[in-house]
Amino acid sequence: MTKSRLEAFSDGVLAIIITIMVLELKVPEAEGGYTLKSLMPLIPTFLSYLLSFIYVGIYWNNHHHMFQMADKINGRVLWKNLNLLFWLSLVPFTTAWMDKHYDRPIPVALYGVVLLMSGLAYVILQNELIRIGGPECKLAKAVGTDAKGKASWILYLAGIGGCFIAPWIGIAIYTIVAVIWFIPDKRIEKLYTDQDAF
């Protein structure tokens, strides 16, 4: 399998995940369903969708960058990529459950578990690409110590635990992680710019 085929398959799966999530946004059917007030009950659903959309977008963006830097792939990469897509495919379910029960610890904690497992799956895939590319490959140089990734795991665990104190703590921490990753990571762009200079 070529790298481009793997990327195209992954892009398709991520597009389907976003499509499934947006289907949770139902049109108000109550009397007066054409007013802004009728949209108020949809606010938790929309905010859950927005957070999950940002997360899926972050994974799509970083997945794209990672495979731009990867030199080659093998069968293990294919399976590790499927592992990542499996965890991301659970995002619509946990998003829908959280938006209906955002004031309960278990749905919010499970959302965090899926985010944590997606992050771990991403790192497993990244490490496999580095392993087959060698310690001096472009991806290894771009990733470096991956302090951002390690900090994310700690925050996810804190968010999952925080849900059992108050669910909003978990949601706040998951949002902080999304903001951290939403800010563009300059490591890969810098490496591209440096290579273009030669």
N, C-alpha and C. Protein backbone atom coordinates (compact mmCIF):
# COMPACT_ATOMS: atom_id res chain seq x y z
N MET A 1 0.85 -1.18 0.00
CA MET A 1 0.00 0.00 0.00
C MET A 1 0.89 1.24 0.00
N THR A 2 0.50 2.20 -0.78
CA THR A 2 1.26 3.44 -0.83
C THR A 2 0.84 4.36 0.31
N LYS A 3 1.71 5.29 0.62
CA LYS A 3 1.43 6.26 1.68
C LYS A 3 0.18 7.08 1.33
N SER A 4 0.04 7.45 0.06
CA SER A 4 -1.10 8.28 -0.34
C SER A 4 -2.42 7.53 -0.19
N ARG A 5 -2.40 6.21 -0.41
CA ARG A 5 -3.64 5.44 -0.25
C ARG A 5 -4.04 5.39 1.23
N LEU A 6 -3.07 5.21 2.11
CA LEU A 6 -3.35 5.21 3.54
C LEU A 6 -3.92 6.55 3.97
N GLU A 7 -3.33 7.64 3.47
CA GLU A 7 -3.82 8.98 3.81
C GLU A 7 -5.24 9.20 3.30
N ALA A 8 -5.52 8.75 2.08
CA ALA A 8 -6.86 8.93 1.51
C ALA A 8 -7.90 8.15 2.31
N PHE A 9 -7.57 6.93 2.70
CA PHE A 9 -8.48 6.13 3.52
C PHE A 9 -8.73 6.82 4.86
N SER A 10 -7.67 7.29 5.50
CA SER A 10 -7.80 7.97 6.79
C SER A 10 -8.63 9.23 6.67
N ASP A 11 -8.40 10.00 5.61
CA ASP A 11 -9.19 11.21 5.38
C ASP A 11 -10.67 10.88 5.25
N GLY A 12 -10.98 9.79 4.54
CA GLY A 12 -12.38 9.40 4.38
C GLY A 12 -13.02 9.01 5.70
N VAL A 13 -12.28 8.26 6.53
CA VAL A 13 -12.83 7.86 7.83
C VAL A 13 -13.07 9.10 8.70
N LEU A 14 -12.13 10.03 8.71
CA LEU A 14 -12.30 11.24 9.53
C LEU A 14 -13.47 12.08 9.03
N ALA A 15 -13.67 12.12 7.73
CA ALA A 15 -14.82 12.86 7.17
C ALA A 15 -16.13 12.22 7.61
N ILE A 16 -16.18 10.89 7.63
CA ILE A 16 -17.38 10.19 8.09
C ILE A 16 -17.64 10.46 9.57
N ILE A 17 -16.58 10.47 10.37
CA ILE A 17 -16.72 10.76 11.80
C ILE A 17 -17.36 12.13 12.01
N ILE A 18 -16.89 13.12 11.28
CA ILE A 18 -17.46 14.47 11.41
C ILE A 18 -18.92 14.47 10.96
N THR A 19 -19.21 13.75 9.89
CA THR A 19 -20.59 13.69 9.39
C THR A 19 -21.52 13.06 10.42
N ILE A 20 -21.07 11.98 11.05
CA ILE A 20 -21.89 11.33 12.08
C ILE A 20 -22.15 12.29 13.24
N MET A 21 -21.12 13.03 13.63
CA MET A 21 -21.30 13.96 14.76
C MET A 21 -22.31 15.06 14.44
N VAL A 22 -22.26 15.58 13.24
CA VAL A 22 -23.15 16.70 12.91
C VAL A 22 -24.61 16.25 12.85
N LEU A 23 -24.85 14.96 12.64
CA LEU A 23 -26.22 14.45 12.60
C LEU A 23 -26.92 14.57 13.95
N GLU A 24 -26.15 14.76 15.03
CA GLU A 24 -26.75 14.97 16.35
C GLU A 24 -27.39 16.34 16.48
N LEU A 25 -27.05 17.26 15.59
CA LEU A 25 -27.64 18.61 15.64
C LEU A 25 -29.00 18.56 14.95
N LYS A 26 -30.03 18.36 15.74
CA LYS A 26 -31.39 18.23 15.20
C LYS A 26 -32.06 19.60 15.11
N VAL A 27 -32.86 19.77 14.10
CA VAL A 27 -33.63 21.00 13.93
C VAL A 27 -34.74 21.05 14.97
N PRO A 28 -34.91 22.20 15.65
CA PRO A 28 -35.99 22.28 16.65
C PRO A 28 -37.36 22.07 16.01
N GLU A 29 -38.20 21.25 16.67
CA GLU A 29 -39.53 20.96 16.12
C GLU A 29 -40.64 21.55 16.97
N ALA A 30 -40.29 22.16 18.08
CA ALA A 30 -41.31 22.72 18.97
C ALA A 30 -42.02 23.89 18.30
N GLU A 31 -43.17 24.24 18.87
CA GLU A 31 -43.92 25.42 18.40
C GLU A 31 -42.99 26.62 18.47
N GLY A 32 -42.93 27.39 17.43
CA GLY A 32 -42.03 28.54 17.40
C GLY A 32 -40.60 28.11 17.14
N GLY A 33 -40.39 26.98 16.45
CA GLY A 33 -39.07 26.44 16.19
C GLY A 33 -38.21 27.28 15.27
N TYR A 34 -38.71 28.43 14.85
CA TYR A 34 -37.95 29.30 13.96
C TYR A 34 -37.32 30.47 14.71
N THR A 35 -37.42 30.49 16.04
CA THR A 35 -36.86 31.60 16.82
C THR A 35 -35.51 31.19 17.41
N LEU A 36 -34.71 32.19 17.78
CA LEU A 36 -33.42 31.91 18.42
C LEU A 36 -33.61 31.21 19.76
N LYS A 37 -34.69 31.54 20.45
CA LYS A 37 -34.95 30.91 21.75
C LYS A 37 -35.12 29.40 21.61
N SER A 38 -35.65 28.95 20.49
CA SER A 38 -35.86 27.51 20.29
C SER A 38 -34.53 26.77 20.12
N LEU A 39 -33.45 27.52 19.87
CA LEU A 39 -32.13 26.90 19.73
C LEU A 39 -31.43 26.70 21.07
N MET A 40 -31.93 27.33 22.12
CA MET A 40 -31.26 27.27 23.43
C MET A 40 -31.02 25.84 23.93
N PRO A 41 -31.99 24.93 23.80
CA PRO A 41 -31.73 23.56 24.27
C PRO A 41 -30.61 22.85 23.49
N LEU A 42 -30.28 23.37 22.31
CA LEU A 42 -29.23 22.74 21.49
C LEU A 42 -27.82 23.21 21.85
N ILE A 43 -27.70 24.16 22.77
CA ILE A 43 -26.38 24.70 23.09
C ILE A 43 -25.41 23.62 23.58
N PRO A 44 -25.79 22.75 24.55
CA PRO A 44 -24.84 21.70 24.96
C PRO A 44 -24.44 20.79 23.80
N THR A 45 -25.39 20.45 22.95
CA THR A 45 -25.10 19.60 21.80
C THR A 45 -24.12 20.29 20.86
N PHE A 46 -24.38 21.57 20.59
CA PHE A 46 -23.49 22.31 19.69
C PHE A 46 -22.09 22.45 20.28
N LEU A 47 -21.99 22.75 21.57
CA LEU A 47 -20.67 22.90 22.19
C LEU A 47 -19.90 21.58 22.21
N SER A 48 -20.61 20.48 22.47
CA SER A 48 -19.96 19.16 22.42
C SER A 48 -19.47 18.86 21.01
N TYR A 49 -20.33 19.17 20.02
CA TYR A 49 -19.95 18.96 18.63
C TYR A 49 -18.74 19.82 18.27
N LEU A 50 -18.74 21.09 18.69
CA LEU A 50 -17.65 22.00 18.38
C LEU A 50 -16.33 21.48 18.95
N LEU A 51 -16.34 21.05 20.22
CA LEU A 51 -15.12 20.53 20.83
C LEU A 51 -14.63 19.29 20.09
N SER A 52 -15.53 18.38 19.78
CA SER A 52 -15.13 17.16 19.08
C SER A 52 -14.69 17.45 17.64
N PHE A 53 -15.35 18.39 16.99
CA PHE A 53 -14.94 18.78 15.63
C PHE A 53 -13.51 19.30 15.66
N ILE A 54 -13.20 20.13 16.65
CA ILE A 54 -11.84 20.67 16.77
C ILE A 54 -10.85 19.53 16.99
N TYR A 55 -11.19 18.58 17.87
CA TYR A 55 -10.30 17.45 18.10
C TYR A 55 -10.07 16.63 16.82
N VAL A 56 -11.12 16.31 16.11
CA VAL A 56 -10.96 15.53 14.87
C VAL A 56 -10.14 16.34 13.86
N GLY A 57 -10.39 17.64 13.79
CA GLY A 57 -9.61 18.50 12.91
C GLY A 57 -8.13 18.52 13.27
N ILE A 58 -7.83 18.54 14.56
CA ILE A 58 -6.44 18.51 15.02
C ILE A 58 -5.78 17.21 14.59
N TYR A 59 -6.50 16.09 14.79
CA TYR A 59 -5.93 14.80 14.38
C TYR A 59 -5.74 14.74 12.87
N TRP A 60 -6.68 15.25 12.12
CA TRP A 60 -6.55 15.24 10.67
C TRP A 60 -5.32 16.04 10.24
N ASN A 61 -5.18 17.22 10.82
CA ASN A 61 -4.07 18.10 10.48
C ASN A 61 -2.73 17.47 10.85
N ASN A 62 -2.63 16.95 12.07
CA ASN A 62 -1.37 16.35 12.52
C ASN A 62 -1.06 15.05 11.78
N HIS A 63 -2.10 14.27 11.47
CA HIS A 63 -1.92 13.04 10.70
C HIS A 63 -1.33 13.38 9.33
N HIS A 64 -1.87 14.41 8.71
CA HIS A 64 -1.38 14.86 7.40
C HIS A 64 0.10 15.25 7.49
N HIS A 65 0.42 16.07 8.49
CA HIS A 65 1.81 16.50 8.66
C HIS A 65 2.74 15.31 8.94
N MET A 66 2.28 14.40 9.78
CA MET A 66 3.10 13.25 10.14
C MET A 66 3.45 12.43 8.90
N PHE A 67 2.46 12.19 8.04
CA PHE A 67 2.73 11.37 6.87
C PHE A 67 3.49 12.14 5.78
N GLN A 68 3.45 13.46 5.82
CA GLN A 68 4.30 14.23 4.92
C GLN A 68 5.76 14.05 5.29
N MET A 69 6.03 13.88 6.58
CA MET A 69 7.40 13.72 7.06
C MET A 69 7.87 12.26 7.02
N ALA A 70 6.95 11.32 6.96
CA ALA A 70 7.33 9.90 6.98
C ALA A 70 7.97 9.51 5.65
N ASP A 71 9.02 8.71 5.76
CA ASP A 71 9.73 8.28 4.56
C ASP A 71 9.11 7.04 3.94
N LYS A 72 8.63 6.12 4.80
CA LYS A 72 8.08 4.86 4.28
C LYS A 72 7.08 4.30 5.27
N ILE A 73 6.27 3.34 4.78
CA ILE A 73 5.31 2.68 5.65
C ILE A 73 5.46 1.17 5.47
N ASN A 74 4.88 0.43 6.42
CA ASN A 74 4.90 -1.04 6.33
C ASN A 74 3.57 -1.56 6.90
N GLY A 75 3.45 -2.87 7.02
CA GLY A 75 2.22 -3.46 7.52
C GLY A 75 1.89 -3.04 8.93
N ARG A 76 2.91 -2.89 9.78
CA ARG A 76 2.67 -2.46 11.16
C ARG A 76 2.09 -1.05 11.20
N VAL A 77 2.54 -0.20 10.29
CA VAL A 77 1.99 1.16 10.21
C VAL A 77 0.51 1.11 9.87
N LEU A 78 0.14 0.23 8.95
CA LEU A 78 -1.27 0.12 8.56
C LEU A 78 -2.14 -0.26 9.76
N TRP A 79 -1.69 -1.25 10.54
CA TRP A 79 -2.47 -1.67 11.70
C TRP A 79 -2.49 -0.61 12.78
N LYS A 80 -1.40 0.07 12.97
CA LYS A 80 -1.36 1.12 14.00
C LYS A 80 -2.18 2.33 13.58
N ASN A 81 -2.26 2.56 12.28
CA ASN A 81 -3.15 3.61 11.78
C ASN A 81 -4.61 3.23 12.01
N LEU A 82 -4.94 1.96 11.79
CA LEU A 82 -6.30 1.49 12.05
C LEU A 82 -6.64 1.59 13.54
N ASN A 83 -5.67 1.35 14.40
CA ASN A 83 -5.88 1.51 15.84
C ASN A 83 -6.27 2.95 16.15
N LEU A 84 -5.57 3.91 15.56
CA LEU A 84 -5.91 5.32 15.76
C LEU A 84 -7.32 5.61 15.25
N LEU A 85 -7.64 5.11 14.06
CA LEU A 85 -8.97 5.37 13.50
C LEU A 85 -10.07 4.72 14.33
N PHE A 86 -9.77 3.56 14.93
CA PHE A 86 -10.76 2.93 15.81
C PHE A 86 -11.13 3.85 16.97
N TRP A 87 -10.12 4.37 17.66
CA TRP A 87 -10.41 5.23 18.81
C TRP A 87 -11.11 6.51 18.38
N LEU A 88 -10.69 7.07 17.25
CA LEU A 88 -11.35 8.28 16.78
C LEU A 88 -12.79 8.00 16.35
N SER A 89 -13.06 6.78 15.88
CA SER A 89 -14.43 6.45 15.46
C SER A 89 -15.39 6.40 16.65
N LEU A 90 -14.87 6.32 17.86
CA LEU A 90 -15.71 6.33 19.06
C LEU A 90 -16.06 7.75 19.51
N VAL A 91 -15.43 8.75 18.93
CA VAL A 91 -15.69 10.14 19.32
C VAL A 91 -17.15 10.52 19.12
N PRO A 92 -17.81 10.17 18.00
CA PRO A 92 -19.23 10.54 17.87
C PRO A 92 -20.12 9.97 18.97
N PHE A 93 -19.88 8.72 19.35
CA PHE A 93 -20.69 8.11 20.41
C PHE A 93 -20.49 8.84 21.74
N THR A 94 -19.22 9.03 22.12
CA THR A 94 -18.97 9.67 23.42
C THR A 94 -19.38 11.14 23.40
N THR A 95 -19.30 11.78 22.25
CA THR A 95 -19.76 13.17 22.12
C THR A 95 -21.27 13.24 22.36
N ALA A 96 -22.01 12.35 21.72
CA ALA A 96 -23.48 12.34 21.86
C ALA A 96 -23.87 12.04 23.30
N TRP A 97 -23.19 11.10 23.94
CA TRP A 97 -23.52 10.75 25.33
C TRP A 97 -23.19 11.91 26.27
N MET A 98 -22.04 12.54 26.04
CA MET A 98 -21.65 13.66 26.89
C MET A 98 -22.61 14.84 26.72
N ASP A 99 -23.03 15.11 25.49
CA ASP A 99 -23.90 16.28 25.32
C ASP A 99 -25.27 16.09 25.97
N LYS A 100 -25.70 14.84 26.09
CA LYS A 100 -26.98 14.57 26.76
C LYS A 100 -26.84 14.54 28.29
N HIS A 101 -25.63 14.22 28.77
CA HIS A 101 -25.41 14.05 30.22
C HIS A 101 -24.12 14.73 30.66
N TYR A 102 -23.94 15.98 30.23
CA TYR A 102 -22.71 16.72 30.55
C TYR A 102 -22.55 17.01 32.04
N ASP A 103 -23.60 16.78 32.81
CA ASP A 103 -23.54 17.02 34.26
C ASP A 103 -23.30 15.72 35.04
N ARG A 104 -22.98 14.63 34.35
CA ARG A 104 -22.74 13.33 34.99
C ARG A 104 -21.28 12.92 34.76
N PRO A 105 -20.63 12.35 35.77
CA PRO A 105 -19.20 12.04 35.63
C PRO A 105 -18.86 10.96 34.61
N ILE A 106 -19.65 9.89 34.53
CA ILE A 106 -19.26 8.76 33.67
C ILE A 106 -19.23 9.14 32.18
N PRO A 107 -20.27 9.78 31.62
CA PRO A 107 -20.18 10.14 30.20
C PRO A 107 -19.02 11.09 29.89
N VAL A 108 -18.78 12.05 30.78
CA VAL A 108 -17.69 13.01 30.55
C VAL A 108 -16.33 12.32 30.70
N ALA A 109 -16.22 11.40 31.68
CA ALA A 109 -14.97 10.67 31.86
C ALA A 109 -14.71 9.75 30.67
N LEU A 110 -15.75 9.08 30.16
CA LEU A 110 -15.57 8.19 29.02
C LEU A 110 -15.11 8.98 27.79
N TYR A 111 -15.64 10.19 27.62
CA TYR A 111 -15.18 11.06 26.54
C TYR A 111 -13.67 11.28 26.68
N GLY A 112 -13.23 11.54 27.91
CA GLY A 112 -11.81 11.74 28.16
C GLY A 112 -10.99 10.49 27.91
N VAL A 113 -11.53 9.33 28.25
CA VAL A 113 -10.82 8.07 27.99
C VAL A 113 -10.61 7.88 26.49
N VAL A 114 -11.63 8.18 25.70
CA VAL A 114 -11.49 8.06 24.24
C VAL A 114 -10.45 9.05 23.72
N LEU A 115 -10.43 10.26 24.26
CA LEU A 115 -9.41 11.24 23.86
C LEU A 115 -8.02 10.74 24.24
N LEU A 116 -7.88 10.22 25.45
CA LEU A 116 -6.60 9.69 25.90
C LEU A 116 -6.13 8.53 25.02
N MET A 117 -7.02 7.60 24.75
CA MET A 117 -6.65 6.45 23.92
C MET A 117 -6.33 6.86 22.49
N SER A 118 -7.03 7.87 21.98
CA SER A 118 -6.70 8.39 20.64
C SER A 118 -5.30 8.98 20.64
N GLY A 119 -4.98 9.73 21.70
CA GLY A 119 -3.65 10.31 21.81
C GLY A 119 -2.56 9.24 21.89
N LEU A 120 -2.82 8.20 22.68
CA LEU A 120 -1.85 7.11 22.79
C LEU A 120 -1.69 6.37 21.46
N ALA A 121 -2.81 6.15 20.77
CA ALA A 121 -2.75 5.48 19.47
C ALA A 121 -1.96 6.31 18.46
N TYR A 122 -2.13 7.62 18.52
CA TYR A 122 -1.38 8.52 17.63
C TYR A 122 0.12 8.39 17.88
N VAL A 123 0.51 8.38 19.16
CA VAL A 123 1.93 8.27 19.51
C VAL A 123 2.49 6.91 19.10
N ILE A 124 1.70 5.85 19.26
CA ILE A 124 2.14 4.51 18.84
C ILE A 124 2.41 4.51 17.33
N LEU A 125 1.51 5.12 16.56
CA LEU A 125 1.69 5.22 15.11
C LEU A 125 2.92 6.07 14.78
N GLN A 126 3.04 7.18 15.44
CA GLN A 126 4.18 8.07 15.22
C GLN A 126 5.50 7.35 15.52
N ASN A 127 5.54 6.63 16.64
CA ASN A 127 6.76 5.91 17.01
C ASN A 127 7.12 4.81 16.01
N GLU A 128 6.10 4.16 15.44
CA GLU A 128 6.37 3.15 14.42
C GLU A 128 6.97 3.79 13.17
N LEU A 129 6.45 4.93 12.77
CA LEU A 129 7.01 5.63 11.61
C LEU A 129 8.45 6.06 11.87
N ILE A 130 8.72 6.50 13.09
CA ILE A 130 10.09 6.88 13.45
C ILE A 130 10.99 5.65 13.48
N ARG A 131 10.47 4.54 14.00
CA ARG A 131 11.26 3.32 14.08
C ARG A 131 11.72 2.85 12.70
N ILE A 132 10.80 2.85 11.74
CA ILE A 132 11.20 2.37 10.41
C ILE A 132 11.98 3.43 9.63
N GLY A 133 11.81 4.70 10.01
CA GLY A 133 12.56 5.76 9.34
C GLY A 133 13.95 5.97 9.93
N GLY A 134 14.14 5.55 11.18
CA GLY A 134 15.43 5.72 11.84
C GLY A 134 15.46 6.98 12.68
N PRO A 135 16.36 7.02 13.66
CA PRO A 135 16.41 8.15 14.59
C PRO A 135 16.77 9.48 13.95
N GLU A 136 17.31 9.44 12.75
CA GLU A 136 17.69 10.68 12.07
C GLU A 136 16.67 11.09 11.00
N CYS A 137 15.54 10.40 10.95
CA CYS A 137 14.54 10.74 9.93
C CYS A 137 13.91 12.10 10.23
N LYS A 138 13.28 12.65 9.20
CA LYS A 138 12.66 13.98 9.33
C LYS A 138 11.62 14.02 10.44
N LEU A 139 10.82 12.96 10.54
CA LEU A 139 9.76 12.93 11.55
C LEU A 139 10.35 12.93 12.96
N ALA A 140 11.40 12.16 13.18
CA ALA A 140 12.04 12.12 14.50
C ALA A 140 12.56 13.50 14.88
N LYS A 141 13.15 14.19 13.93
CA LYS A 141 13.66 15.54 14.21
C LYS A 141 12.52 16.51 14.51
N ALA A 142 11.42 16.36 13.79
CA ALA A 142 10.28 17.26 13.99
C ALA A 142 9.61 17.03 15.34
N VAL A 143 9.50 15.76 15.75
CA VAL A 143 8.81 15.43 17.01
C VAL A 143 9.65 15.83 18.21
N GLY A 144 10.95 15.59 18.14
CA GLY A 144 11.82 15.93 19.26
C GLY A 144 11.44 15.16 20.51
N THR A 145 11.35 15.85 21.64
CA THR A 145 11.00 15.20 22.91
C THR A 145 9.50 15.02 23.07
N ASP A 146 8.71 15.67 22.24
CA ASP A 146 7.25 15.59 22.26
C ASP A 146 6.67 15.97 23.61
N ALA A 147 7.16 17.07 24.16
CA ALA A 147 6.67 17.55 25.46
C ALA A 147 5.17 17.86 25.42
N LYS A 148 4.72 18.37 24.30
CA LYS A 148 3.30 18.71 24.15
C LYS A 148 2.42 17.46 24.26
N GLY A 149 2.85 16.38 23.62
CA GLY A 149 2.11 15.13 23.69
C GLY A 149 2.07 14.55 25.09
N LYS A 150 3.22 14.57 25.77
CA LYS A 150 3.29 14.03 27.13
C LYS A 150 2.44 14.86 28.09
N ALA A 151 2.47 16.17 27.92
CA ALA A 151 1.64 17.04 28.77
C ALA A 151 0.16 16.75 28.54
N SER A 152 -0.21 16.43 27.31
CA SER A 152 -1.61 16.13 26.99
C SER A 152 -2.09 14.91 27.76
N TRP A 153 -1.26 13.86 27.84
CA TRP A 153 -1.66 12.65 28.56
C TRP A 153 -1.94 12.97 30.03
N ILE A 154 -1.06 13.78 30.62
CA ILE A 154 -1.24 14.15 32.03
C ILE A 154 -2.55 14.92 32.20
N LEU A 155 -2.80 15.85 31.28
CA LEU A 155 -4.03 16.63 31.36
C LEU A 155 -5.26 15.76 31.15
N TYR A 156 -5.21 14.83 30.21
CA TYR A 156 -6.35 13.92 30.01
C TYR A 156 -6.65 13.14 31.29
N LEU A 157 -5.59 12.60 31.90
CA LEU A 157 -5.79 11.84 33.14
C LEU A 157 -6.37 12.73 34.24
N ALA A 158 -5.89 13.97 34.32
CA ALA A 158 -6.42 14.92 35.31
C ALA A 158 -7.88 15.23 35.01
N GLY A 159 -8.22 15.37 33.73
CA GLY A 159 -9.60 15.63 33.34
C GLY A 159 -10.52 14.48 33.67
N ILE A 160 -10.05 13.26 33.41
CA ILE A 160 -10.86 12.07 33.72
C ILE A 160 -11.10 11.99 35.21
N GLY A 161 -10.06 12.19 36.00
CA GLY A 161 -10.22 12.19 37.46
C GLY A 161 -11.08 13.33 37.95
N GLY A 162 -10.89 14.50 37.33
CA GLY A 162 -11.65 15.68 37.73
C GLY A 162 -13.15 15.53 37.52
N CYS A 163 -13.54 14.69 36.56
CA CYS A 163 -14.97 14.46 36.30
C CYS A 163 -15.70 13.94 37.53
N PHE A 164 -14.98 13.20 38.37
CA PHE A 164 -15.62 12.60 39.54
C PHE A 164 -15.70 13.58 40.71
N ILE A 165 -15.05 14.73 40.56
CA ILE A 165 -15.25 15.84 41.51
C ILE A 165 -16.39 16.70 40.99
N ALA A 166 -16.27 17.11 39.73
CA ALA A 166 -17.32 17.87 39.05
C ALA A 166 -17.09 17.70 37.55
N PRO A 167 -18.11 17.26 36.79
CA PRO A 167 -17.92 17.01 35.36
C PRO A 167 -17.37 18.21 34.58
N TRP A 168 -17.72 19.44 35.00
CA TRP A 168 -17.23 20.61 34.27
C TRP A 168 -15.72 20.73 34.34
N ILE A 169 -15.09 20.16 35.38
CA ILE A 169 -13.63 20.19 35.48
C ILE A 169 -13.03 19.40 34.32
N GLY A 170 -13.57 18.21 34.08
CA GLY A 170 -13.09 17.40 32.96
C GLY A 170 -13.28 18.11 31.63
N ILE A 171 -14.46 18.69 31.42
CA ILE A 171 -14.73 19.38 30.16
C ILE A 171 -13.77 20.55 29.99
N ALA A 172 -13.51 21.28 31.07
CA ALA A 172 -12.59 22.42 31.00
C ALA A 172 -11.18 21.96 30.64
N ILE A 173 -10.73 20.86 31.24
CA ILE A 173 -9.38 20.37 30.94
C ILE A 173 -9.28 19.85 29.51
N TYR A 174 -10.31 19.15 29.03
CA TYR A 174 -10.29 18.68 27.64
C TYR A 174 -10.24 19.87 26.68
N THR A 175 -10.93 20.93 27.05
CA THR A 175 -10.91 22.14 26.21
C THR A 175 -9.53 22.77 26.20
N ILE A 176 -8.86 22.77 27.35
CA ILE A 176 -7.49 23.32 27.43
C ILE A 176 -6.55 22.53 26.51
N VAL A 177 -6.67 21.21 26.52
CA VAL A 177 -5.82 20.38 25.65
C VAL A 177 -6.09 20.72 24.19
N ALA A 178 -7.36 20.89 23.83
CA ALA A 178 -7.70 21.24 22.44
C ALA A 178 -7.09 22.58 22.06
N VAL A 179 -7.13 23.54 22.98
CA VAL A 179 -6.55 24.86 22.71
C VAL A 179 -5.03 24.73 22.51
N ILE A 180 -4.39 23.93 23.36
CA ILE A 180 -2.94 23.72 23.23
C ILE A 180 -2.58 23.20 21.84
N TRP A 181 -3.37 22.24 21.35
CA TRP A 181 -3.08 21.65 20.04
C TRP A 181 -3.63 22.48 18.89
N PHE A 182 -4.62 23.31 19.16
CA PHE A 182 -5.20 24.16 18.11
C PHE A 182 -4.19 25.21 17.66
N ILE A 183 -3.38 25.66 18.61
CA ILE A 183 -2.31 26.61 18.26
C ILE A 183 -1.33 25.86 17.36
N PRO A 184 -1.07 26.37 16.16
CA PRO A 184 -0.26 25.60 15.21
C PRO A 184 1.11 25.22 15.78
N ASP A 185 1.49 23.98 15.50
CA ASP A 185 2.79 23.46 15.92
C ASP A 185 3.80 23.82 14.85
N LYS A 186 4.77 24.60 15.21
CA LYS A 186 5.74 25.12 14.24
C LYS A 186 6.87 24.15 13.92
N ARG A 187 6.96 23.02 14.64
CA ARG A 187 8.10 22.13 14.44
C ARG A 187 8.17 21.61 13.00
N ILE A 188 7.07 21.13 12.48
CA ILE A 188 7.10 20.53 11.14
C ILE A 188 7.22 21.61 10.07
N GLU A 189 6.47 22.72 10.23
CA GLU A 189 6.58 23.81 9.25
C GLU A 189 8.00 24.36 9.21
N LYS A 190 8.65 24.44 10.38
CA LYS A 190 10.03 24.95 10.44
C LYS A 190 10.95 24.01 9.69
N LEU A 191 10.75 22.71 9.86
CA LEU A 191 11.59 21.74 9.18
C LEU A 191 11.40 21.84 7.66
N TYR A 192 10.16 22.03 7.22
CA TYR A 192 9.91 22.22 5.78
C TYR A 192 10.62 23.46 5.28
N THR A 193 10.52 24.56 6.02
CA THR A 193 11.14 25.82 5.61
C THR A 193 12.65 25.68 5.54
N ASP A 194 13.22 25.00 6.54
CA ASP A 194 14.67 24.79 6.54
C ASP A 194 15.12 23.95 5.36
N GLN A 195 14.31 22.94 4.99
CA GLN A 195 14.67 22.09 3.85
C GLN A 195 14.55 22.86 2.55
N ASP A 196 13.55 23.75 2.46
CA ASP A 196 13.37 24.53 1.23
C ASP A 196 14.53 25.48 1.01
N ALA A 197 15.23 25.84 2.08
CA ALA A 197 16.33 26.78 1.97
C ALA A 197 17.54 26.14 1.28
N PHE A 198 17.58 24.80 1.25
CA PHE A 198 18.74 24.13 0.66
C PHE A 198 18.51 23.79 -0.79
